[in-house]
Amino acid sequence: MPEKRKIPYKWVLLVLIAILIFVCILFSTKSDHTNTESKPDFITLEEYMKVSDESWFLTGKKEYIVQAMMVSKETSFHNDFEVVDYTVTDDGETVILKGEFEEMWTSKLPKVIITYRKPDGNPLTEEDFVHKDTWIEIAAIPEPNAYYAMHVPSDINVIVETAWGDQLHTNLQNAPHGNGDYLVCRVDENGNPDLSDVWILNGVVFPKYYDMEHKLDEQ
């Protein structure tokens, strides 16, 4: 009888390793595909309201102090909470606002005058902003029970199409969010959330500027 050839041990080991690698790749590919289907990168506002355990709760803007300034030259800055860059010029109408977390954003002068007042309670006027490049303190006019808000956990990205044509995202990467951002809208004439105009507020700053009384009542 012819002598049986023995397969070298190292070849058996290499074949086993190759099979193991193939199985790992196959499993990894299937796992990634499953995760992509079950956890999409984003969902719309309408989809989120259908599937979320969260609900709208009544809230209102607190009275809080911010700083405001108009500029005499082009000024640029970055907002860490919004993950956006701003550039402001001396256009006679744009006001830079700085909040209690040192975050900065912009608003138009007429809106600032009706949304804020002086810390002593007196109304603001355009004359309060004539000294450019100088911060002044202003106080938000409180609006109790004038808004609705809904929490979005930090691992969920909801896309909101705003009334002014922008597209906003909750819980953007490279920004702090606490336990997650909040969807905010006004109370409509029937006492319900006005879903025609929804915007997003960062989860870190929301509890500082809006009351959480009714959210706590739900818990």
Foldseek 3Di string as FASTA:
>chain_A
DDDDDDDDPVVVVVVVVVVVVVVVVVVVVVVVVVCCVVPPPAAAPVVCVVPDPKDKWFKKWDKDKKKKFAAAAWDKDAFQQQRDIDIHGNPVFKMWIADPVRGIDIDGNVVCQVQWAQPVPHGDDSVVHPPHPDIDMIIGDMDGRFKIKIFDALSHWYWYQALVGDIGIWNDPSHDAPRTKMKMATQDPVRHGPNNGIDIDGNVCCVVTMPCVRVVVVD
